[in-house]
Amino acid sequence: MKALLTLSLASAGLAGASGYGTLIDAIEKAQFRVIVYAPSIYDQELAESLRRARLDPIRKVSVRILSVPFYNFQPKSFMLSLALAGVPVYEAQIPSLGGVVIVDNGGWTGPALGKDMNASVAAMSLQEINTSLKWFERTIPSAQVLTQVEAYERLKKVTP
């Protein structure tokens, strides 16, 4: 009950926040978790904010990214560098129309999330966040982890 109340109160504060800048700010200020689903991440600003959240020794934010392997082989994808930096990247063959980012108790979704800088995003409702969290919980165990060694080997093949 206490966790539900905390989630409701935190979500109420983010209910009106929907822009891309708000999403990046939320990642920069994350306190305990950032969960991302995007086929791949081509947006450097988003990639850098995820890297900073994961590597910040003070905040110690849990960052997890779920992606699609095919797109991570693309030369402009930042997934390999994120994996090299120690960000947990999981790969699974998942069809998707867009991306999802959950930061602490707020969430955003958008069709070009991860693809474009300043992508159009919309705030998620509490119900949408909980549905996405359950989906992540079911999907992550069957996904393959992109290790740092594998990311390095792929990077050698992708970069000229």
C-alpha atoms as a PDB file:
ATOM      1  CA  MET A   1       0.000   0.000   0.000  1.00  0.00           C
ATOM      2  CA  LYS A   2       2.820   2.404   0.914  1.00  0.00           C
ATOM      3  CA  ALA A   3       4.633   1.674  -2.377  1.00  0.00           C
ATOM      4  CA  LEU A   4       1.428   2.271  -4.352  1.00  0.00           C
ATOM      5  CA  LEU A   5       0.853   5.573  -2.540  1.00  0.00           C
ATOM      6  CA  THR A   6       4.455   6.631  -3.209  1.00  0.00           C
ATOM      7  CA  LEU A   7       4.091   5.700  -6.888  1.00  0.00           C
ATOM      8  CA  SER A   8       0.816   7.627  -7.145  1.00  0.00           C
ATOM      9  CA  LEU A   9       2.259  10.726  -5.480  1.00  0.00           C
ATOM     10  CA  ALA A  10       5.387  10.693  -7.624  1.00  0.00           C
ATOM     11  CA  SER A  11       3.360  10.193 -10.790  1.00  0.00           C
ATOM     12  CA  ALA A  12       1.073  13.058  -9.881  1.00  0.00           C
ATOM     13  CA  GLY A  13       4.073  15.381  -9.945  1.00  0.00           C
ATOM     14  CA  LEU A  14       5.021  14.216 -13.444  1.00  0.00           C
ATOM     15  CA  ALA A  15       1.515  13.975 -14.889  1.00  0.00           C
ATOM     16  CA  GLY A  16       1.721  17.197 -16.890  1.00  0.00           C
ATOM     17  CA  ALA A  17       5.330  16.736 -17.965  1.00  0.00           C
ATOM     18  CA  SER A  18       5.465  15.351 -21.475  1.00  0.00           C
ATOM     19  CA  GLY A  19       8.200  17.009 -23.547  1.00  0.00           C
ATOM     20  CA  TYR A  20      11.488  15.554 -24.660  1.00  0.00           C
ATOM     21  CA  GLY A  21      13.445  18.059 -22.554  1.00  0.00           C
ATOM     22  CA  THR A  22      11.468  16.962 -19.508  1.00  0.00           C
ATOM     23  CA  LEU A  23      12.372  13.335 -20.259  1.00  0.00           C
ATOM     24  CA  ILE A  24      16.093  14.136 -20.492  1.00  0.00           C
ATOM     25  CA  ASP A  25      15.897  16.215 -17.285  1.00  0.00           C
ATOM     26  CA  ALA A  26      14.180  13.324 -15.509  1.00  0.00           C
ATOM     27  CA  ILE A  27      16.979  10.931 -16.539  1.00  0.00           C
ATOM     28  CA  GLU A  28      19.585  13.444 -15.357  1.00  0.00           C
ATOM     29  CA  LYS A  29      17.817  13.647 -11.967  1.00  0.00           C
ATOM     30  CA  ALA A  30      16.841   9.962 -11.642  1.00  0.00           C
ATOM     31  CA  GLN A  31      17.244   8.560  -8.163  1.00  0.00           C
ATOM     32  CA  PHE A  32      16.661   4.818  -8.432  1.00  0.00           C
ATOM     33  CA  ARG A  33      15.774   3.508 -11.904  1.00  0.00           C
ATOM     34  CA  VAL A  34      15.730   4.178 -15.611  1.00  0.00           C
ATOM     35  CA  ILE A  35      14.214   1.498 -17.838  1.00  0.00           C
ATOM     36  CA  VAL A  36      14.250   1.918 -21.602  1.00  0.00           C
ATOM     37  CA  TYR A  37      12.759   0.021 -24.498  1.00  0.00           C
ATOM     38  CA  ALA A  38      13.913   1.259 -27.887  1.00  0.00           C
ATOM     39  CA  PRO A  39      14.842  -0.825 -30.927  1.00  0.00           C
ATOM     40  CA  SER A  40      18.125   1.115 -30.771  1.00  0.00           C
ATOM     41  CA  ILE A  41      19.359   4.527 -29.665  1.00  0.00           C
ATOM     42  CA  TYR A  42      20.644   6.884 -32.335  1.00  0.00           C
ATOM     43  CA  ASP A  43      20.108  10.055 -30.289  1.00  0.00           C
ATOM     44  CA  GLN A  44      23.381  11.126 -28.684  1.00  0.00           C
ATOM     45  CA  GLU A  45      21.715  13.316 -26.036  1.00  0.00           C
ATOM     46  CA  LEU A  46      19.575  10.414 -24.809  1.00  0.00           C
ATOM     47  CA  ALA A  47      22.556   8.022 -24.897  1.00  0.00           C
ATOM     48  CA  GLU A  48      24.746  10.424 -22.909  1.00  0.00           C
ATOM     49  CA  SER A  49      22.072  11.019 -20.278  1.00  0.00           C
ATOM     50  CA  LEU A  50      21.658   7.239 -19.843  1.00  0.00           C
ATOM     51  CA  ARG A  51      25.421   6.773 -19.563  1.00  0.00           C
ATOM     52  CA  ARG A  52      25.696   9.553 -16.957  1.00  0.00           C
ATOM     53  CA  ALA A  53      22.815   8.114 -14.926  1.00  0.00           C
ATOM     54  CA  ARG A  54      24.439   4.660 -14.901  1.00  0.00           C
ATOM     55  CA  LEU A  55      27.963   5.847 -14.111  1.00  0.00           C
ATOM     56  CA  ASP A  56      27.107   8.432 -11.433  1.00  0.00           C
ATOM     57  CA  PRO A  57      28.692   7.026  -8.242  1.00  0.00           C
ATOM     58  CA  ILE A  58      26.536   9.194  -5.964  1.00  0.00           C
ATOM     59  CA  ARG A  59      23.074   8.369  -7.303  1.00  0.00           C
ATOM     60  CA  LYS A  60      23.734   4.691  -8.165  1.00  0.00           C
ATOM     61  CA  VAL A  61      20.762   4.541 -10.543  1.00  0.00           C
ATOM     62  CA  SER A  62      19.743   1.165 -11.945  1.00  0.00           C
ATOM     63  CA  VAL A  63      19.667   1.586 -15.732  1.00  0.00           C
ATOM     64  CA  ARG A  64      18.434  -1.173 -18.043  1.00  0.00           C
ATOM     65  CA  ILE A  65      17.881  -1.000 -21.779  1.00  0.00           C
ATOM     66  CA  LEU A  66      15.927  -3.490 -23.878  1.00  0.00           C
ATOM     67  CA  SER A  67      16.621  -3.349 -27.610  1.00  0.00           C
ATOM     68  CA  VAL A  68      16.476  -5.293 -30.864  1.00  0.00           C
ATOM     69  CA  PRO A  69      19.779  -6.930 -31.988  1.00  0.00           C
ATOM     70  CA  PHE A  70      19.496  -6.042 -35.689  1.00  0.00           C
ATOM     71  CA  TYR A  71      19.432  -2.297 -35.017  1.00  0.00           C
ATOM     72  CA  ASN A  72      22.404  -2.468 -32.653  1.00  0.00           C
ATOM     73  CA  PHE A  73      24.611  -3.496 -35.586  1.00  0.00           C
ATOM     74  CA  GLN A  74      23.897  -0.177 -37.306  1.00  0.00           C
ATOM     75  CA  PRO A  75      26.916   2.186 -37.421  1.00  0.00           C
ATOM     76  CA  LYS A  76      25.032   5.151 -35.901  1.00  0.00           C
ATOM     77  CA  SER A  77      23.640   3.201 -32.936  1.00  0.00           C
ATOM     78  CA  PHE A  78      24.940   4.138 -29.490  1.00  0.00           C
ATOM     79  CA  MET A  79      23.994   0.751 -27.966  1.00  0.00           C
ATOM     80  CA  LEU A  80      27.470  -0.728 -28.359  1.00  0.00           C
ATOM     81  CA  SER A  81      29.118   2.225 -26.631  1.00  0.00           C
ATOM     82  CA  LEU A  82      26.510   2.085 -23.849  1.00  0.00           C
ATOM     83  CA  ALA A  83      27.242  -1.604 -23.323  1.00  0.00           C
ATOM     84  CA  LEU A  84      30.988  -0.860 -23.297  1.00  0.00           C
ATOM     85  CA  ALA A  85      30.349   1.769 -20.602  1.00  0.00           C
ATOM     86  CA  GLY A  86      28.707  -0.864 -18.428  1.00  0.00           C
ATOM     87  CA  VAL A  87      25.066   0.006 -19.088  1.00  0.00           C
ATOM     88  CA  PRO A  88      23.075  -3.252 -19.071  1.00  0.00           C
ATOM     89  CA  VAL A  89      21.752  -3.723 -22.614  1.00  0.00           C
ATOM     90  CA  TYR A  90      19.378  -6.611 -23.276  1.00  0.00           C
ATOM     91  CA  GLU A  91      18.503  -7.762 -26.790  1.00  0.00           C
ATOM     92  CA  ALA A  92      15.338  -9.532 -27.903  1.00  0.00           C
ATOM     93  CA  GLN A  93      13.383  -9.873 -31.141  1.00  0.00           C
ATOM     94  CA  ILE A  94      10.465  -7.622 -30.220  1.00  0.00           C
ATOM     95  CA  PRO A  95       8.242  -5.815 -32.706  1.00  0.00           C
ATOM     96  CA  SER A  96       7.555  -2.242 -31.715  1.00  0.00           C
ATOM     97  CA  LEU A  97       5.960   0.907 -32.944  1.00  0.00           C
ATOM     98  CA  GLY A  98       7.981   3.136 -30.641  1.00  0.00           C
ATOM     99  CA  GLY A  99       9.994   3.494 -27.480  1.00  0.00           C
ATOM    100  CA  VAL A 100       9.274   3.601 -23.771  1.00  0.00           C
ATOM    101  CA  VAL A 101      11.293   5.232 -20.999  1.00  0.00           C
ATOM    102  CA  ILE A 102      10.428   4.842 -17.324  1.00  0.00           C
ATOM    103  CA  VAL A 103      12.351   7.079 -14.937  1.00  0.00           C
ATOM    104  CA  ASP A 104      11.753   6.477 -11.232  1.00  0.00           C
ATOM    105  CA  ASN A 105       7.922   6.692 -11.158  1.00  0.00           C
ATOM    106  CA  GLY A 106       7.312   8.620 -14.385  1.00  0.00           C
ATOM    107  CA  GLY A 107       7.131   7.372 -17.932  1.00  0.00           C
ATOM    108  CA  TRP A 108       7.225   8.575 -21.538  1.00  0.00           C
ATOM    109  CA  THR A 109       6.478   6.957 -24.852  1.00  0.00           C
ATOM    110  CA  GLY A 110       6.918   8.027 -28.456  1.00  0.00           C
ATOM    111  CA  PRO A 111       7.143   6.537 -31.942  1.00  0.00           C
ATOM    112  CA  ALA A 112      10.613   7.994 -32.617  1.00  0.00           C
ATOM    113  CA  LEU A 113      11.985   7.715 -29.071  1.00  0.00           C
ATOM    114  CA  GLY A 114      15.634   6.728 -29.376  1.00  0.00           C
ATOM    115  CA  LYS A 115      15.701   7.504 -33.101  1.00  0.00           C
ATOM    116  CA  ASP A 116      15.538  11.284 -33.197  1.00  0.00           C
ATOM    117  CA  MET A 117      16.841  14.101 -31.061  1.00  0.00           C
ATOM    118  CA  ASN A 118      13.909  16.034 -29.593  1.00  0.00           C
ATOM    119  CA  ALA A 119      11.568  13.174 -30.475  1.00  0.00           C
ATOM    120  CA  SER A 120       7.906  13.754 -29.821  1.00  0.00           C
ATOM    121  CA  VAL A 121       7.049  12.022 -26.545  1.00  0.00           C
ATOM    122  CA  ALA A 122       3.952  11.791 -24.362  1.00  0.00           C
ATOM    123  CA  ALA A 123       3.733  11.221 -20.632  1.00  0.00           C
ATOM    124  CA  MET A 124       2.390   7.825 -19.642  1.00  0.00           C
ATOM    125  CA  SER A 125      -0.431   7.295 -17.169  1.00  0.00           C
ATOM    126  CA  LEU A 126       0.137   5.298 -13.988  1.00  0.00           C
ATOM    127  CA  GLN A 127      -1.687   2.359 -15.563  1.00  0.00           C
ATOM    128  CA  GLU A 128       0.500   2.512 -18.703  1.00  0.00           C
ATOM    129  CA  ILE A 129       3.645   2.634 -16.557  1.00  0.00           C
ATOM    130  CA  ASN A 130       2.555  -0.385 -14.516  1.00  0.00           C
ATOM    131  CA  THR A 131       1.634  -2.307 -17.697  1.00  0.00           C
ATOM    132  CA  SER A 132       5.058  -1.498 -19.193  1.00  0.00           C
ATOM    133  CA  LEU A 133       6.850  -2.544 -15.993  1.00  0.00           C
ATOM    134  CA  LYS A 134       5.050  -5.905 -16.053  1.00  0.00           C
ATOM    135  CA  TRP A 135       5.988  -6.325 -19.728  1.00  0.00           C
ATOM    136  CA  PHE A 136       9.659  -5.578 -18.950  1.00  0.00           C
ATOM    137  CA  GLU A 137       9.532  -8.018 -16.041  1.00  0.00           C
ATOM    138  CA  ARG A 138       8.298 -10.788 -18.375  1.00  0.00           C
ATOM    139  CA  THR A 139      10.605  -9.927 -21.301  1.00  0.00           C
ATOM    140  CA  ILE A 140      14.001  -9.256 -19.687  1.00  0.00           C
ATOM    141  CA  PRO A 141      14.626 -12.844 -18.420  1.00  0.00           C
ATOM    142  CA  SER A 142      14.367 -14.270 -21.955  1.00  0.00           C
ATOM    143  CA  ALA A 143      16.504 -11.527 -23.551  1.00  0.00           C
ATOM    144  CA  GLN A 144      20.216 -11.911 -24.282  1.00  0.00           C
ATOM    145  CA  VAL A 145      22.628  -9.608 -22.438  1.00  0.00           C
ATOM    146  CA  LEU A 146      24.983  -7.650 -24.677  1.00  0.00           C
ATOM    147  CA  THR A 147      28.297  -8.092 -22.860  1.00  0.00           C
ATOM    148  CA  GLN A 148      31.167  -5.634 -22.994  1.00  0.00           C
ATOM    149  CA  VAL A 149      33.303  -8.170 -24.878  1.00  0.00           C
ATOM    150  CA  GLU A 150      30.591  -8.781 -27.470  1.00  0.00           C
ATOM    151  CA  ALA A 151      29.992  -5.023 -27.828  1.00  0.00           C
ATOM    152  CA  TYR A 152      33.713  -4.506 -28.437  1.00  0.00           C
ATOM    153  CA  GLU A 153      33.821  -7.281 -31.058  1.00  0.00           C
ATOM    154  CA  ARG A 154      30.775  -5.850 -32.836  1.00  0.00           C
ATOM    155  CA  LEU A 155      32.218  -2.361 -32.706  1.00  0.00           C
ATOM    156  CA  LYS A 156      35.338  -3.579 -34.513  1.00  0.00           C
ATOM    157  CA  LYS A 157      33.112  -4.973 -37.280  1.00  0.00           C
ATOM    158  CA  VAL A 158      30.813  -1.969 -37.551  1.00  0.00           C
ATOM    159  CA  THR A 159      33.442   0.793 -37.556  1.00  0.00           C
ATOM    160  CA  PRO A 160      35.675   1.161 -40.608  1.00  0.00           C
END
